[in-house]
Amino acid sequence: MKLRTGSILVAMVIVGSCGGTESTTPALGDAGCSAGYPEQATSRYVLPYSPGSEFMVGQGNCTDGSHEIDTSQAYAYDIDMPIGTPVIASRDGIVVVVVENWSENNDTPGQENYLIIEHDDGSIAGYYHLTEAGIDVEEGDQVFQGDSVARSGNTGDSSGPHLHFEVATCEDCDTLPVNFGNTREHQFGLDEDDAYLAE
């Protein structure tokens, strides 16, 4: 088992973020959830899984539970996927944090395996609840959009196997709205309980 950390542990930001609370998606007119999304056509992000794969969004943006509006996790996504599913880099960057020593199905807040990639503008993407020893890159590695970087899991405070994906301006900052350029139209982010094919 390996534990590598290069900066402040981001796990503290999302403790309890993916527990099994039911959620509902607000209407698009709700302040904070229909504003601020970048244009999908010019997005610098792709879905964090392989082209040709399709997965369901278990929890979307600004939803009751762990991604509530006006919280630090408002613009995070929980994407349901089986343990061991390849996770790809959503955008080019440098790996800055790798934690992969926690065992599967541990059900313990703060004990999630995760990967942080920093982009050229200083923003970061976080990939959480990865499987034990399931990260394929090292801190300091340059990764390119579409590179396989990890495998999904069910570690930490998780209600089932999934990938928690988020973008922020820094490790302890609020999440940012994100659209993905390689799937069907989603002007205000991915819709909860819908499946999205990575093209």
C-alpha atoms as a PDB file:
ATOM      1  CA  MET A   1       0.000   0.000   0.000  1.00  0.00           C
ATOM      2  CA  LYS A   2       1.220   3.482  -0.851  1.00  0.00           C
ATOM      3  CA  LEU A   3       0.408   6.905   0.528  1.00  0.00           C
ATOM      4  CA  ARG A   4       1.821   9.912  -1.240  1.00  0.00           C
ATOM      5  CA  THR A   5       0.832  13.478  -0.593  1.00  0.00           C
ATOM      6  CA  GLY A   6       2.282  16.619  -2.076  1.00  0.00           C
ATOM      7  CA  SER A   7       0.167  19.305  -0.484  1.00  0.00           C
ATOM      8  CA  ILE A   8      -2.680  19.866   1.950  1.00  0.00           C
ATOM      9  CA  LEU A   9      -5.021  16.913   2.045  1.00  0.00           C
ATOM     10  CA  VAL A  10      -8.137  17.785   0.113  1.00  0.00           C
ATOM     11  CA  ALA A  11     -10.078  14.940   1.690  1.00  0.00           C
ATOM     12  CA  MET A  12     -10.966  17.255   4.555  1.00  0.00           C
ATOM     13  CA  VAL A  13     -12.966  19.404   2.149  1.00  0.00           C
ATOM     14  CA  ILE A  14     -15.256  16.557   1.115  1.00  0.00           C
ATOM     15  CA  VAL A  15     -15.689  14.558   4.302  1.00  0.00           C
ATOM     16  CA  GLY A  16     -19.205  13.218   4.154  1.00  0.00           C
ATOM     17  CA  SER A  17     -19.697  14.514   0.648  1.00  0.00           C
ATOM     18  CA  CYS A  18     -20.986  11.350  -0.950  1.00  0.00           C
ATOM     19  CA  GLY A  19     -23.025   9.693   1.763  1.00  0.00           C
ATOM     20  CA  GLY A  20     -26.345   8.147   0.823  1.00  0.00           C
ATOM     21  CA  THR A  21     -28.727  11.076   1.115  1.00  0.00           C
ATOM     22  CA  GLU A  22     -31.468  11.348  -1.504  1.00  0.00           C
ATOM     23  CA  SER A  23     -31.256  14.389  -3.686  1.00  0.00           C
ATOM     24  CA  THR A  24     -33.417  16.387  -6.022  1.00  0.00           C
ATOM     25  CA  THR A  25     -32.363  18.643  -8.867  1.00  0.00           C
ATOM     26  CA  PRO A  26     -33.568  22.245  -8.583  1.00  0.00           C
ATOM     27  CA  ALA A  27     -35.268  24.060 -11.434  1.00  0.00           C
ATOM     28  CA  LEU A  28     -32.895  25.768 -13.839  1.00  0.00           C
ATOM     29  CA  GLY A  29     -34.104  29.151 -12.667  1.00  0.00           C
ATOM     30  CA  ASP A  30     -32.739  28.624  -9.136  1.00  0.00           C
ATOM     31  CA  ALA A  31     -30.050  31.215  -8.452  1.00  0.00           C
ATOM     32  CA  GLY A  32     -26.555  29.770  -8.415  1.00  0.00           C
ATOM     33  CA  CYS A  33     -27.228  26.606 -10.374  1.00  0.00           C
ATOM     34  CA  SER A  34     -28.213  28.002 -13.747  1.00  0.00           C
ATOM     35  CA  ALA A  35     -25.547  30.699 -13.848  1.00  0.00           C
ATOM     36  CA  GLY A  36     -21.821  30.593 -14.392  1.00  0.00           C
ATOM     37  CA  TYR A  37     -21.521  27.501 -16.582  1.00  0.00           C
ATOM     38  CA  PRO A  38     -18.999  27.860 -19.410  1.00  0.00           C
ATOM     39  CA  GLU A  39     -20.050  27.245 -23.000  1.00  0.00           C
ATOM     40  CA  GLN A  40     -20.066  23.531 -23.667  1.00  0.00           C
ATOM     41  CA  ALA A  41     -18.751  23.966 -27.225  1.00  0.00           C
ATOM     42  CA  THR A  42     -15.540  25.563 -25.951  1.00  0.00           C
ATOM     43  CA  SER A  43     -15.138  23.539 -22.748  1.00  0.00           C
ATOM     44  CA  ARG A  44     -11.592  22.488 -21.855  1.00  0.00           C
ATOM     45  CA  TYR A  45     -12.980  19.401 -20.089  1.00  0.00           C
ATOM     46  CA  VAL A  46     -14.074  15.950 -21.248  1.00  0.00           C
ATOM     47  CA  LEU A  47     -15.998  13.411 -19.200  1.00  0.00           C
ATOM     48  CA  PRO A  48     -13.572  11.641 -16.820  1.00  0.00           C
ATOM     49  CA  TYR A  49     -14.122   8.212 -18.382  1.00  0.00           C
ATOM     50  CA  SER A  50     -13.143   6.501 -21.624  1.00  0.00           C
ATOM     51  CA  PRO A  51     -14.716   7.357 -24.991  1.00  0.00           C
ATOM     52  CA  GLY A  52     -17.482   4.904 -25.815  1.00  0.00           C
ATOM     53  CA  SER A  53     -18.381   4.471 -22.125  1.00  0.00           C
ATOM     54  CA  GLU A  54     -21.683   5.670 -20.689  1.00  0.00           C
ATOM     55  CA  PHE A  55     -22.449   6.219 -17.008  1.00  0.00           C
ATOM     56  CA  MET A  56     -25.286   7.608 -14.914  1.00  0.00           C
ATOM     57  CA  VAL A  57     -24.966  10.786 -12.862  1.00  0.00           C
ATOM     58  CA  GLY A  58     -25.961   9.649  -9.370  1.00  0.00           C
ATOM     59  CA  GLN A  59     -25.791  13.158  -7.926  1.00  0.00           C
ATOM     60  CA  GLY A  60     -25.610  16.388  -9.875  1.00  0.00           C
ATOM     61  CA  ASN A  61     -24.980  20.018  -9.075  1.00  0.00           C
ATOM     62  CA  CYS A  62     -26.846  22.012  -6.423  1.00  0.00           C
ATOM     63  CA  THR A  63     -28.763  18.997  -5.102  1.00  0.00           C
ATOM     64  CA  ASP A  64     -29.962  18.108  -1.629  1.00  0.00           C
ATOM     65  CA  GLY A  65     -27.521  15.990   0.339  1.00  0.00           C
ATOM     66  CA  SER A  66     -23.824  16.482  -0.241  1.00  0.00           C
ATOM     67  CA  HIS A  67     -23.862  18.878  -3.234  1.00  0.00           C
ATOM     68  CA  GLU A  68     -26.266  21.448  -1.842  1.00  0.00           C
ATOM     69  CA  ILE A  69     -26.481  24.904  -3.340  1.00  0.00           C
ATOM     70  CA  ASP A  70     -24.341  27.524  -1.561  1.00  0.00           C
ATOM     71  CA  THR A  71     -21.902  24.893  -0.223  1.00  0.00           C
ATOM     72  CA  SER A  72     -18.331  24.151  -1.275  1.00  0.00           C
ATOM     73  CA  GLN A  73     -19.487  20.993  -3.100  1.00  0.00           C
ATOM     74  CA  ALA A  74     -22.365  22.584  -5.043  1.00  0.00           C
ATOM     75  CA  TYR A  75     -20.800  21.951  -8.475  1.00  0.00           C
ATOM     76  CA  ALA A  76     -19.404  18.465  -7.874  1.00  0.00           C
ATOM     77  CA  TYR A  77     -20.604  15.379  -9.751  1.00  0.00           C
ATOM     78  CA  ASP A  78     -21.037  11.816  -8.492  1.00  0.00           C
ATOM     79  CA  ILE A  79     -20.870   9.448 -11.454  1.00  0.00           C
ATOM     80  CA  ASP A  80     -22.028   5.896 -10.750  1.00  0.00           C
ATOM     81  CA  MET A  81     -19.551   3.313 -12.060  1.00  0.00           C
ATOM     82  CA  PRO A  82     -18.331  -0.149 -11.059  1.00  0.00           C
ATOM     83  CA  ILE A  83     -15.170  -0.547  -8.997  1.00  0.00           C
ATOM     84  CA  GLY A  84     -12.149  -0.738 -11.289  1.00  0.00           C
ATOM     85  CA  THR A  85     -13.551   1.399 -14.123  1.00  0.00           C
ATOM     86  CA  PRO A  86     -10.768   3.358 -15.875  1.00  0.00           C
ATOM     87  CA  VAL A  87     -10.769   7.071 -14.998  1.00  0.00           C
ATOM     88  CA  ILE A  88      -9.198   9.477 -17.484  1.00  0.00           C
ATOM     89  CA  ALA A  89      -7.773  12.974 -17.134  1.00  0.00           C
ATOM     90  CA  SER A  90     -10.557  15.401 -17.922  1.00  0.00           C
ATOM     91  CA  ARG A  91      -8.001  18.088 -18.822  1.00  0.00           C
ATOM     92  CA  ASP A  92      -4.209  18.389 -19.239  1.00  0.00           C
ATOM     93  CA  GLY A  93      -2.254  19.076 -16.082  1.00  0.00           C
ATOM     94  CA  ILE A  94       0.302  18.091 -13.470  1.00  0.00           C
ATOM     95  CA  VAL A  95      -0.452  15.511 -10.762  1.00  0.00           C
ATOM     96  CA  VAL A  96      -0.092  17.254  -7.389  1.00  0.00           C
ATOM     97  CA  VAL A  97      -1.709  14.828  -4.894  1.00  0.00           C
ATOM     98  CA  VAL A  98      -2.014  11.036  -4.869  1.00  0.00           C
ATOM     99  CA  VAL A  99      -3.659   9.100  -2.006  1.00  0.00           C
ATOM    100  CA  GLU A 100      -4.363   5.427  -2.655  1.00  0.00           C
ATOM    101  CA  ASN A 101      -3.775   3.485   0.572  1.00  0.00           C
ATOM    102  CA  TRP A 102      -7.357   3.147   1.874  1.00  0.00           C
ATOM    103  CA  SER A 103      -9.191  -0.173   1.541  1.00  0.00           C
ATOM    104  CA  GLU A 104     -12.309  -0.718  -0.501  1.00  0.00           C
ATOM    105  CA  ASN A 105     -15.762  -0.402   1.125  1.00  0.00           C
ATOM    106  CA  ASN A 106     -14.295   1.123   4.314  1.00  0.00           C
ATOM    107  CA  ASP A 107     -17.321   3.433   4.792  1.00  0.00           C
ATOM    108  CA  THR A 108     -15.166   5.895   6.731  1.00  0.00           C
ATOM    109  CA  PRO A 109     -15.280   9.687   6.238  1.00  0.00           C
ATOM    110  CA  GLY A 110     -11.837  11.072   5.373  1.00  0.00           C
ATOM    111  CA  GLN A 111     -10.520   7.706   4.190  1.00  0.00           C
ATOM    112  CA  GLU A 112     -11.082   8.078   0.458  1.00  0.00           C
ATOM    113  CA  ASN A 113      -8.443   7.498  -2.179  1.00  0.00           C
ATOM    114  CA  TYR A 114      -8.098  10.446  -4.515  1.00  0.00           C
ATOM    115  CA  LEU A 115      -6.064  12.232  -7.147  1.00  0.00           C
ATOM    116  CA  ILE A 116      -5.613  15.977  -7.721  1.00  0.00           C
ATOM    117  CA  ILE A 117      -4.466  17.362 -11.075  1.00  0.00           C
ATOM    118  CA  GLU A 118      -3.494  21.027 -11.415  1.00  0.00           C
ATOM    119  CA  HIS A 119      -4.166  22.779 -14.739  1.00  0.00           C
ATOM    120  CA  ASP A 120      -2.179  25.475 -16.522  1.00  0.00           C
ATOM    121  CA  ASP A 121      -4.409  28.248 -15.124  1.00  0.00           C
ATOM    122  CA  GLY A 122      -3.880  27.081 -11.521  1.00  0.00           C
ATOM    123  CA  SER A 123      -7.300  25.440 -11.179  1.00  0.00           C
ATOM    124  CA  ILE A 124      -7.497  21.822 -10.051  1.00  0.00           C
ATOM    125  CA  ALA A 125      -9.612  18.756 -10.764  1.00  0.00           C
ATOM    126  CA  GLY A 126     -10.264  16.220  -8.021  1.00  0.00           C
ATOM    127  CA  TYR A 127     -11.069  12.548  -8.620  1.00  0.00           C
ATOM    128  CA  TYR A 128     -12.331  10.869  -5.412  1.00  0.00           C
ATOM    129  CA  HIS A 129     -13.336   7.455  -3.978  1.00  0.00           C
ATOM    130  CA  LEU A 130     -10.787   5.646  -6.163  1.00  0.00           C
ATOM    131  CA  THR A 131      -9.964   2.000  -5.534  1.00  0.00           C
ATOM    132  CA  GLU A 132      -7.081   0.926  -3.289  1.00  0.00           C
ATOM    133  CA  ALA A 133      -3.708   1.123  -5.103  1.00  0.00           C
ATOM    134  CA  GLY A 134      -5.734   2.300  -8.085  1.00  0.00           C
ATOM    135  CA  ILE A 135      -3.837   5.384  -9.235  1.00  0.00           C
ATOM    136  CA  ASP A 136      -1.647   4.960 -12.307  1.00  0.00           C
ATOM    137  CA  VAL A 137       0.344   8.210 -12.048  1.00  0.00           C
ATOM    138  CA  GLU A 138       2.808   9.762  -9.616  1.00  0.00           C
ATOM    139  CA  GLU A 139       2.995  13.227  -8.120  1.00  0.00           C
ATOM    140  CA  GLY A 140       4.792  15.529 -10.539  1.00  0.00           C
ATOM    141  CA  ASP A 141       3.700  13.603 -13.651  1.00  0.00           C
ATOM    142  CA  GLN A 142       2.431  15.566 -16.652  1.00  0.00           C
ATOM    143  CA  VAL A 143      -0.866  14.089 -17.866  1.00  0.00           C
ATOM    144  CA  PHE A 144      -2.816  14.867 -20.985  1.00  0.00           C
ATOM    145  CA  GLN A 145      -6.546  14.963 -21.520  1.00  0.00           C
ATOM    146  CA  GLY A 146      -7.752  11.415 -22.119  1.00  0.00           C
ATOM    147  CA  ASP A 147      -4.823   9.698 -20.375  1.00  0.00           C
ATOM    148  CA  SER A 148      -5.821   6.847 -18.084  1.00  0.00           C
ATOM    149  CA  VAL A 149      -4.917   8.064 -14.584  1.00  0.00           C
ATOM    150  CA  ALA A 150      -6.789   5.858 -12.108  1.00  0.00           C
ATOM    151  CA  ARG A 151      -9.533   3.311 -11.444  1.00  0.00           C
ATOM    152  CA  SER A 152     -12.810   4.049  -9.711  1.00  0.00           C
ATOM    153  CA  GLY A 153     -13.703   2.557  -6.359  1.00  0.00           C
ATOM    154  CA  ASN A 154     -15.822   2.792  -3.244  1.00  0.00           C
ATOM    155  CA  THR A 155     -13.578   4.249  -0.540  1.00  0.00           C
ATOM    156  CA  GLY A 156     -14.386   6.765   2.167  1.00  0.00           C
ATOM    157  CA  ASP A 157     -17.856   8.109   2.937  1.00  0.00           C
ATOM    158  CA  SER A 158     -19.560   6.605  -0.085  1.00  0.00           C
ATOM    159  CA  SER A 159     -23.040   5.172  -0.569  1.00  0.00           C
ATOM    160  CA  GLY A 160     -21.840   2.912  -3.405  1.00  0.00           C
ATOM    161  CA  PRO A 161     -19.203   2.616  -6.137  1.00  0.00           C
ATOM    162  CA  HIS A 162     -18.826   5.925  -7.957  1.00  0.00           C
ATOM    163  CA  LEU A 163     -16.438   8.651  -9.017  1.00  0.00           C
ATOM    164  CA  HIS A 164     -16.754  12.035  -7.316  1.00  0.00           C
ATOM    165  CA  PHE A 165     -15.408  14.622  -9.773  1.00  0.00           C
ATOM    166  CA  GLU A 166     -14.949  18.309  -9.071  1.00  0.00           C
ATOM    167  CA  VAL A 167     -13.127  21.388 -10.347  1.00  0.00           C
ATOM    168  CA  ALA A 168     -12.037  24.300  -8.141  1.00  0.00           C
ATOM    169  CA  THR A 169      -9.624  27.232  -8.186  1.00  0.00           C
ATOM    170  CA  CYS A 170      -7.572  25.671  -5.377  1.00  0.00           C
ATOM    171  CA  GLU A 171      -7.555  22.666  -3.074  1.00  0.00           C
ATOM    172  CA  ASP A 172      -9.692  24.225  -0.346  1.00  0.00           C
ATOM    173  CA  CYS A 173     -11.859  26.456  -2.546  1.00  0.00           C
ATOM    174  CA  ASP A 174     -15.479  26.101  -3.608  1.00  0.00           C
ATOM    175  CA  THR A 175     -16.224  23.930  -6.629  1.00  0.00           C
ATOM    176  CA  LEU A 176     -16.802  25.568 -10.014  1.00  0.00           C
ATOM    177  CA  PRO A 177     -19.486  24.920 -12.661  1.00  0.00           C
ATOM    178  CA  VAL A 178     -18.192  22.678 -15.458  1.00  0.00           C
ATOM    179  CA  ASN A 179     -19.559  21.416 -18.772  1.00  0.00           C
ATOM    180  CA  PHE A 180     -17.943  18.675 -20.867  1.00  0.00           C
ATOM    181  CA  GLY A 181     -17.196  19.000 -24.565  1.00  0.00           C
ATOM    182  CA  ASN A 182     -17.466  15.332 -25.537  1.00  0.00           C
ATOM    183  CA  THR A 183     -21.079  14.443 -24.811  1.00  0.00           C
ATOM    184  CA  ARG A 184     -24.650  15.519 -25.555  1.00  0.00           C
ATOM    185  CA  GLU A 185     -25.882  19.009 -24.787  1.00  0.00           C
ATOM    186  CA  HIS A 186     -26.040  20.042 -21.127  1.00  0.00           C
ATOM    187  CA  GLN A 187     -26.119  23.813 -20.877  1.00  0.00           C
ATOM    188  CA  PHE A 188     -26.421  23.887 -17.069  1.00  0.00           C
ATOM    189  CA  GLY A 189     -24.250  20.901 -16.195  1.00  0.00           C
ATOM    190  CA  LEU A 190     -24.955  17.172 -16.291  1.00  0.00           C
ATOM    191  CA  ASP A 191     -28.471  16.234 -15.208  1.00  0.00           C
ATOM    192  CA  GLU A 192     -28.854  13.962 -12.224  1.00  0.00           C
ATOM    193  CA  ASP A 193     -30.261  10.475 -13.009  1.00  0.00           C
ATOM    194  CA  ASP A 194     -29.292  10.793 -16.702  1.00  0.00           C
ATOM    195  CA  ALA A 195     -26.593   8.752 -18.436  1.00  0.00           C
ATOM    196  CA  TYR A 196     -23.950  10.430 -20.588  1.00  0.00           C
ATOM    197  CA  LEU A 197     -21.971   8.779 -23.377  1.00  0.00           C
ATOM    198  CA  ALA A 198     -18.356   9.930 -23.732  1.00  0.00           C
ATOM    199  CA  GLU A 199     -17.829  10.522 -27.461  1.00  0.00           C
END
